[in-house]
Amino acid sequence: MWARPRGLFFWLCLVIVLFTVAVKPVEFAHVITGVLRCVGAFFSGLRHFLNALATT
């Protein structure tokens, strides 16, 4: 899978991400940590919801 040639969309996204990291590294790091925190909160809430369903 990794040896196949990539499409134009992949390279466009890669260039945009690398440009963003190079120009605004602190803001990019804040976005990444914010996304990770929100994903963690989502799965934590989902776990609590499923536990509540399992106990009823």
C-alpha atoms as a PDB file:
ATOM      1  CA  MET A   1       0.000   0.000   0.000  1.00  0.00           C
ATOM      2  CA  TRP A   2       2.791   2.440   0.821  1.00  0.00           C
ATOM      3  CA  ALA A   3       4.648   1.703  -2.426  1.00  0.00           C
ATOM      4  CA  ARG A   4       1.790   2.798  -4.700  1.00  0.00           C
ATOM      5  CA  PRO A   5       1.948   6.269  -6.273  1.00  0.00           C
ATOM      6  CA  ARG A   6      -0.164   8.885  -4.522  1.00  0.00           C
ATOM      7  CA  GLY A   7      -2.855  10.995  -6.115  1.00  0.00           C
ATOM      8  CA  LEU A   8      -2.953  14.746  -6.528  1.00  0.00           C
ATOM      9  CA  PHE A   9      -5.209  15.205  -3.490  1.00  0.00           C
ATOM     10  CA  PHE A  10      -2.669  13.472  -1.220  1.00  0.00           C
ATOM     11  CA  TRP A  11       0.175  15.710  -2.382  1.00  0.00           C
ATOM     12  CA  LEU A  12      -1.960  18.831  -2.094  1.00  0.00           C
ATOM     13  CA  CYS A  13      -2.922  17.963   1.489  1.00  0.00           C
ATOM     14  CA  LEU A  14       0.676  17.098   2.358  1.00  0.00           C
ATOM     15  CA  VAL A  15       1.975  20.418   1.008  1.00  0.00           C
ATOM     16  CA  ILE A  16      -0.714  22.363   2.888  1.00  0.00           C
ATOM     17  CA  VAL A  17       0.042  20.581   6.170  1.00  0.00           C
ATOM     18  CA  LEU A  18       3.804  20.997   5.798  1.00  0.00           C
ATOM     19  CA  PHE A  19       3.394  24.675   4.884  1.00  0.00           C
ATOM     20  CA  THR A  20       1.166  25.224   7.917  1.00  0.00           C
ATOM     21  CA  VAL A  21       3.661  23.493  10.211  1.00  0.00           C
ATOM     22  CA  ALA A  22       6.499  25.586   8.790  1.00  0.00           C
ATOM     23  CA  VAL A  23       4.684  28.940   8.971  1.00  0.00           C
ATOM     24  CA  LYS A  24       2.607  28.604  12.159  1.00  0.00           C
ATOM     25  CA  PRO A  25       4.022  25.750  14.272  1.00  0.00           C
ATOM     26  CA  VAL A  26       2.549  26.900  17.609  1.00  0.00           C
ATOM     27  CA  GLU A  27      -0.957  27.373  16.225  1.00  0.00           C
ATOM     28  CA  PHE A  28      -0.738  24.013  14.457  1.00  0.00           C
ATOM     29  CA  ALA A  29       0.291  22.320  17.706  1.00  0.00           C
ATOM     30  CA  HIS A  30      -2.651  23.957  19.497  1.00  0.00           C
ATOM     31  CA  VAL A  31      -5.034  22.664  16.836  1.00  0.00           C
ATOM     32  CA  ILE A  32      -3.640  19.133  17.064  1.00  0.00           C
ATOM     33  CA  THR A  33      -3.835  19.056  20.866  1.00  0.00           C
ATOM     34  CA  GLY A  34      -7.349  20.500  20.750  1.00  0.00           C
ATOM     35  CA  VAL A  35      -8.487  17.850  18.301  1.00  0.00           C
ATOM     36  CA  LEU A  36      -6.930  15.080  20.405  1.00  0.00           C
ATOM     37  CA  ARG A  37      -8.576  16.453  23.547  1.00  0.00           C
ATOM     38  CA  CYS A  38     -11.991  16.591  21.836  1.00  0.00           C
ATOM     39  CA  VAL A  39     -11.631  13.059  20.461  1.00  0.00           C
ATOM     40  CA  GLY A  40     -10.690  11.820  23.928  1.00  0.00           C
ATOM     41  CA  ALA A  41     -13.690  13.580  25.467  1.00  0.00           C
ATOM     42  CA  PHE A  42     -15.982  12.089  22.824  1.00  0.00           C
ATOM     43  CA  PHE A  43     -14.832   8.526  23.480  1.00  0.00           C
ATOM     44  CA  SER A  44     -14.931   9.057  27.235  1.00  0.00           C
ATOM     45  CA  GLY A  45     -18.532  10.233  26.973  1.00  0.00           C
ATOM     46  CA  LEU A  46     -19.337   7.332  24.674  1.00  0.00           C
ATOM     47  CA  ARG A  47     -17.883   4.910  27.236  1.00  0.00           C
ATOM     48  CA  HIS A  48     -20.022   6.413  30.002  1.00  0.00           C
ATOM     49  CA  PHE A  49     -23.101   6.263  27.781  1.00  0.00           C
ATOM     50  CA  LEU A  50     -22.506   2.608  26.897  1.00  0.00           C
ATOM     51  CA  ASN A  51     -21.885   1.763  30.567  1.00  0.00           C
ATOM     52  CA  ALA A  52     -25.185   3.420  31.473  1.00  0.00           C
ATOM     53  CA  LEU A  53     -26.945   1.394  28.798  1.00  0.00           C
ATOM     54  CA  ALA A  54     -25.318  -1.812  30.026  1.00  0.00           C
ATOM     55  CA  THR A  55     -26.463  -1.281  33.602  1.00  0.00           C
ATOM     56  CA  THR A  56     -30.121  -0.748  32.683  1.00  0.00           C
END
